[in-house]
Amino acid sequence: MSDEIHLSRVEDELRSHSYPSERDDLVASFAGTTVLFADGDADLGDLVADIDQARFESAEDAYTALQNVLPIEALGEPGQSDGDA
């Protein structure tokens, strides 16, 4: 498993794990993998640990849950407006 991945590759990285899977197993598997955002980074294991869901039936299930815990730095380009002017 790589030590650094771009956010766009996280779903592929999650597919490298077998499912169904418990959250704690995913946390252990992905601890130490840095996800690179548009502005910053975070540990994938830490992000998965922040998910409230305890079990994932598939990589897609885990990826969908992960979307809810991504920090603001993960979204868009640095300094990009969300459209409010």
Protein backbone atom coordinates (compact mmCIF):
# COMPACT_ATOMS: atom_id res chain seq x y z
CA MET A 1 0.00 0.00 0.00
CA SER A 2 1.32 3.45 -0.86
CA ASP A 3 2.16 5.99 1.82
CA GLU A 4 0.59 8.94 -0.05
CA ILE A 5 -2.45 9.01 -2.31
CA HIS A 6 -4.51 11.76 -3.87
CA LEU A 7 -8.11 12.10 -2.76
CA SER A 8 -9.23 10.97 -6.21
CA ARG A 9 -7.58 7.57 -5.57
CA VAL A 10 -9.07 6.89 -2.12
CA GLU A 11 -11.91 4.73 -3.44
CA ASP A 12 -9.40 2.54 -5.30
CA GLU A 13 -7.34 2.26 -2.10
CA LEU A 14 -10.45 1.21 -0.15
CA ARG A 15 -11.07 -1.51 -2.76
CA SER A 16 -7.75 -3.11 -1.80
CA HIS A 17 -9.40 -4.28 1.44
CA SER A 18 -11.81 -7.23 1.74
CA TYR A 19 -15.45 -6.64 2.66
CA PRO A 20 -17.61 -6.76 4.67
CA SER A 21 -15.26 -5.11 7.15
CA GLU A 22 -15.38 -3.55 10.58
CA ARG A 23 -14.35 0.11 10.91
CA ASP A 24 -11.49 -0.77 13.28
CA ASP A 25 -10.04 -3.17 10.68
CA LEU A 26 -10.09 -0.42 8.06
CA VAL A 27 -8.52 2.04 10.51
CA ALA A 28 -5.66 -0.40 11.16
CA SER A 29 -5.20 -1.16 7.45
CA PHE A 30 -5.06 2.47 6.34
CA ALA A 31 -3.24 4.07 9.28
CA GLY A 32 -0.14 5.77 7.96
CA THR A 33 -1.56 6.37 4.49
CA THR A 34 -1.62 10.11 3.80
CA VAL A 35 -4.46 11.46 1.68
CA LEU A 36 -3.42 14.56 -0.28
CA PHE A 37 -6.11 17.23 -0.59
CA ALA A 38 -6.37 20.37 -2.69
CA ASP A 39 -5.06 22.23 0.36
CA GLY A 40 -3.47 19.95 2.92
CA ASP A 41 -3.57 16.29 3.85
CA ALA A 42 -4.82 13.82 6.47
CA ASP A 43 -4.20 10.26 7.60
CA LEU A 44 -6.72 7.90 5.95
CA GLY A 45 -6.87 5.73 9.07
CA ASP A 46 -7.77 8.78 11.18
CA LEU A 47 -10.46 9.80 8.70
CA VAL A 48 -12.01 6.33 8.78
CA ALA A 49 -11.88 6.39 12.59
CA ASP A 50 -14.06 9.53 12.51
CA ILE A 51 -16.87 7.69 10.69
CA ASP A 52 -19.82 6.78 12.93
CA GLN A 53 -20.65 3.63 10.97
CA ALA A 54 -19.17 0.47 12.56
CA ARG A 55 -19.33 -1.91 9.57
CA PHE A 56 -18.98 -1.54 5.82
CA GLU A 57 -20.43 -3.92 3.28
CA SER A 58 -18.27 -2.71 0.37
CA ALA A 59 -15.58 -0.23 -0.64
CA GLU A 60 -18.33 1.97 -2.07
CA ASP A 61 -20.11 1.89 1.30
CA ALA A 62 -16.92 2.97 3.08
CA TYR A 63 -16.19 5.68 0.51
CA THR A 64 -19.68 7.13 0.80
CA ALA A 65 -19.37 7.27 4.60
CA LEU A 66 -15.92 8.84 4.29
CA GLN A 67 -17.37 11.76 2.31
CA ASN A 68 -19.15 12.92 5.48
CA VAL A 69 -15.95 13.29 7.51
CA LEU A 70 -13.63 14.93 4.97
CA PRO A 71 -12.26 18.29 6.13
CA ILE A 72 -12.97 21.48 4.18
CA GLU A 73 -9.39 21.35 2.84
CA ALA A 74 -10.37 18.28 0.80
CA LEU A 75 -12.88 20.18 -1.31
CA GLY A 76 -12.07 22.32 -4.31
CA GLU A 77 -8.99 24.28 -5.13
CA PRO A 78 -7.21 26.36 -2.47
CA GLY A 79 -8.91 29.73 -2.17
CA GLN A 80 -11.80 28.70 -4.41
CA SER A 81 -15.13 30.39 -3.69
CA ASP A 82 -18.23 28.27 -3.21
CA GLY A 83 -20.17 30.75 -5.36
CA ASP A 84 -21.34 33.15 -2.65
CA ALA A 85 -20.35 36.66 -3.54
